[in-house]
Amino acid sequence: MPNENSPQTSQTSQNAMAKIPLPVSIFALMLSLVAASPTTALCIKNEKANLRAGPGIKHEKLWQVFQYMPFKLLGTKGNWKRLQDVDGDKYWVHAPLTTQKYKCAVIKKNQTNLREGPGTQYPKVKWAPVDKYFSMKVLKIENNWVHIQDASGDKAWVYHPLVWIQ
C-alpha cells in the first residue's frame, strides 16, 4: 500500500488536481477571498435610529443616531444587526433602518471645516465647522477629499483623514 510520500500517491494527487476545471478553481479562490474579507459596511437610512444594548426593543436604548451614520456590520440575529461605530463601541439596531446601497462618513473631531471644493483654497461652507459624529452620505472621493451630502441635502467637501468612511 503506498504511503503519502510514495511516487504513486504523489502522481494520483497531481492527476486529481489536474481534473478540476479552471472555472471551478477560480470560483473556489474567489469564494475564499470573499469569506476572508473584512466586515461589511452599512449606513442608517432613516431620519433617526435607536442603538440598543441587545437585539430587541426590550434592551436599553444607548444612543440615538441620525441618517447617514456609518457602521461596521459585525453580525445579525433575526431582524437585528450588531454594529461597531467610529469609536469601536458596539450596538444593536433594527435591520430595516439600515442600508448598504451607498457609503457614509462621520466626522472624527470637533470643529471640522467643510469646504465648497476639494482643497483648502476653497472657502468654507456657511454651515461649517461641524462637530464629531456629524454624519453624511459619500458622493465621491477625489484625491484626498470627500464630497459629502448631509441629511438636509447640503453638499460640501471634507479632507479624507478627518472622516471615518464605511
Protein backbone atom coordinates (compact mmCIF):
# COMPACT_ATOMS: atom_id res chain seq x y z
CA MET A 1 0.00 0.00 0.00
CA PRO A 2 1.53 3.37 -0.97
CA ASN A 3 2.26 5.90 1.75
CA GLU A 4 1.87 9.66 1.47
CA ASN A 5 5.46 10.10 0.33
CA SER A 6 5.42 7.44 -2.38
CA PRO A 7 5.59 8.46 -6.05
CA GLN A 8 2.32 6.66 -6.76
CA THR A 9 0.36 8.79 -4.24
CA SER A 10 2.02 11.95 -5.48
CA GLN A 11 1.08 11.12 -9.09
CA THR A 12 -2.52 10.33 -8.05
CA SER A 13 -2.80 13.71 -6.27
CA GLN A 14 -1.46 15.54 -9.31
CA ASN A 15 -3.95 13.75 -11.58
CA ALA A 16 -6.83 14.63 -9.25
CA MET A 17 -5.80 18.30 -9.23
CA ALA A 18 -5.43 18.37 -12.99
CA LYS A 19 -9.02 17.20 -13.42
CA ILE A 20 -10.53 20.21 -11.61
CA PRO A 21 -11.78 22.61 -14.29
CA LEU A 22 -10.17 26.05 -14.24
CA PRO A 23 -13.50 27.94 -13.74
CA VAL A 24 -14.21 25.85 -10.63
CA SER A 25 -10.73 26.62 -9.27
CA ILE A 26 -11.19 30.34 -9.91
CA PHE A 27 -14.63 30.29 -8.27
CA ALA A 28 -13.23 28.49 -5.20
CA LEU A 29 -10.44 31.06 -4.92
CA MET A 30 -12.89 33.97 -5.21
CA LEU A 31 -15.18 32.41 -2.62
CA SER A 32 -12.30 32.05 -0.17
CA LEU A 33 -11.34 35.71 -0.69
CA VAL A 34 -14.90 36.87 -0.07
CA ALA A 35 -15.15 34.75 3.07
CA ALA A 36 -11.93 36.31 4.36
CA SER A 37 -12.93 39.89 3.54
CA PRO A 38 -13.26 42.48 6.31
CA THR A 39 -16.54 43.31 7.93
CA THR A 40 -19.31 44.78 5.84
CA ALA A 41 -20.17 48.47 5.99
CA LEU A 42 -23.67 49.86 6.37
CA CYS A 43 -25.44 53.17 6.98
CA ILE A 44 -28.52 54.37 8.77
CA LYS A 45 -31.07 55.19 6.07
CA ASN A 46 -33.89 56.60 8.22
CA GLU A 47 -34.04 60.05 9.80
CA LYS A 48 -33.19 58.55 13.23
CA ALA A 49 -32.32 55.16 14.68
CA ASN A 50 -32.07 53.91 18.24
CA LEU A 51 -28.97 51.90 19.07
CA ARG A 52 -29.54 49.29 21.76
CA ALA A 53 -27.60 47.08 24.17
CA GLY A 54 -29.15 43.93 22.68
CA PRO A 55 -31.25 42.66 19.76
CA GLY A 56 -34.77 43.86 20.58
CA ILE A 57 -36.77 46.82 21.85
CA LYS A 58 -36.74 45.41 25.39
CA HIS A 59 -32.99 46.17 25.55
CA GLU A 60 -31.75 49.53 26.80
CA LYS A 61 -31.50 52.36 24.27
CA LEU A 62 -27.87 53.51 24.42
CA TRP A 63 -27.71 56.15 21.70
CA GLN A 64 -29.89 57.75 19.04
CA VAL A 65 -28.16 58.45 15.72
CA PHE A 66 -29.20 60.30 12.60
CA GLN A 67 -29.40 59.47 8.91
CA TYR A 68 -26.14 58.51 7.18
CA MET A 69 -24.33 57.38 10.34
CA PRO A 70 -21.84 54.70 9.19
CA PHE A 71 -21.12 51.42 10.96
CA LYS A 72 -19.28 48.15 10.51
CA LEU A 73 -21.61 45.17 10.46
CA LEU A 74 -20.46 42.55 12.97
CA GLY A 75 -23.37 40.12 12.76
CA THR A 76 -27.12 39.57 12.73
CA LYS A 77 -29.70 37.99 14.98
CA GLY A 78 -33.16 37.76 13.49
CA ASN A 79 -34.18 41.22 12.27
CA TRP A 80 -31.41 42.96 14.26
CA LYS A 81 -27.86 43.87 13.28
CA ARG A 82 -24.81 44.05 15.55
CA LEU A 83 -22.73 47.16 14.74
CA GLN A 84 -19.46 48.86 15.57
CA ASP A 85 -19.04 52.64 15.36
CA VAL A 86 -16.13 55.02 14.72
CA ASP A 87 -15.03 54.74 18.37
CA GLY A 88 -15.16 50.93 18.41
CA ASP A 89 -18.32 50.82 20.53
CA LYS A 90 -20.82 48.05 19.76
CA TYR A 91 -24.59 48.28 19.48
CA TRP A 92 -27.67 46.61 18.01
CA VAL A 93 -30.05 48.26 15.53
CA HIS A 94 -33.28 47.15 13.85
CA ALA A 95 -32.19 45.89 10.42
CA PRO A 96 -34.83 47.75 8.29
CA LEU A 97 -33.30 51.07 9.44
CA THR A 98 -30.04 50.29 7.61
CA THR A 99 -28.75 50.13 4.05
CA GLN A 100 -25.66 49.02 2.14
CA LYS A 101 -26.62 50.86 -1.07
CA TYR A 102 -24.19 53.75 -0.52
CA LYS A 103 -21.21 54.73 1.62
CA CYS A 104 -21.47 57.04 4.60
CA ALA A 105 -18.99 59.09 6.61
CA VAL A 106 -18.83 60.58 10.08
CA ILE A 107 -16.69 63.45 11.36
CA LYS A 108 -13.95 62.27 13.76
CA LYS A 109 -13.14 65.59 15.53
CA ASN A 110 -14.96 68.68 16.77
CA GLN A 111 -14.72 71.92 14.77
CA THR A 112 -14.03 70.25 11.42
CA ASN A 113 -14.14 72.56 8.41
CA LEU A 114 -16.17 71.69 5.33
CA ARG A 115 -15.36 73.38 2.04
CA GLU A 116 -17.04 74.37 -1.24
CA GLY A 117 -14.45 72.40 -3.26
CA PRO A 118 -11.80 69.70 -2.88
CA GLY A 119 -8.98 71.73 -1.28
CA THR A 120 -8.08 74.36 1.29
CA GLN A 121 -8.06 77.02 -1.45
CA TYR A 122 -11.88 76.78 -1.50
CA PRO A 123 -13.92 78.77 1.05
CA LYS A 124 -15.62 77.10 4.00
CA VAL A 125 -19.32 76.38 3.56
CA LYS A 126 -21.58 78.70 5.57
CA TRP A 127 -22.67 75.86 7.91
CA ALA A 128 -19.11 74.84 8.87
CA PRO A 129 -17.43 73.95 11.11
CA VAL A 130 -19.18 70.76 12.24
CA ASP A 131 -18.58 68.58 15.28
CA LYS A 132 -17.71 64.95 15.88
CA TYR A 133 -20.45 62.46 14.94
CA PHE A 134 -21.88 64.67 12.18
CA SER A 135 -22.90 62.05 9.61
CA MET A 136 -23.03 62.35 5.83
CA LYS A 137 -23.58 60.40 2.63
CA VAL A 138 -20.44 59.99 0.50
CA LEU A 139 -20.97 61.20 -3.08
CA LYS A 140 -17.41 60.67 -4.31
CA ILE A 141 -13.78 60.66 -3.25
CA GLU A 142 -11.35 62.79 -5.25
CA ASN A 143 -7.67 62.60 -4.35
CA ASN A 144 -7.70 63.04 -0.57
CA TRP A 145 -11.04 64.88 -0.41
CA VAL A 146 -14.54 63.51 0.10
CA HIS A 147 -17.64 65.07 -1.48
CA ILE A 148 -20.46 64.64 1.00
CA GLN A 149 -24.15 65.41 1.40
CA ASP A 150 -25.89 65.82 4.75
CA ALA A 151 -29.43 64.72 5.63
CA SER A 152 -30.90 68.10 4.62
CA GLY A 153 -29.32 67.87 1.15
CA ASP A 154 -26.47 70.36 1.69
CA LYS A 155 -23.23 69.40 -0.06
CA ALA A 156 -19.62 70.09 0.85
CA TRP A 157 -16.09 68.69 0.72
CA VAL A 158 -14.10 67.38 3.68
CA TYR A 159 -10.46 66.31 3.96
CA HIS A 160 -10.43 62.47 3.97
CA PRO A 161 -8.33 61.96 7.18
CA LEU A 162 -10.96 63.91 9.15
CA VAL A 163 -13.76 61.39 8.47
CA TRP A 164 -14.43 57.68 9.06
CA ILE A 165 -15.99 56.16 5.93
CA GLN A 166 -17.95 52.94 5.78
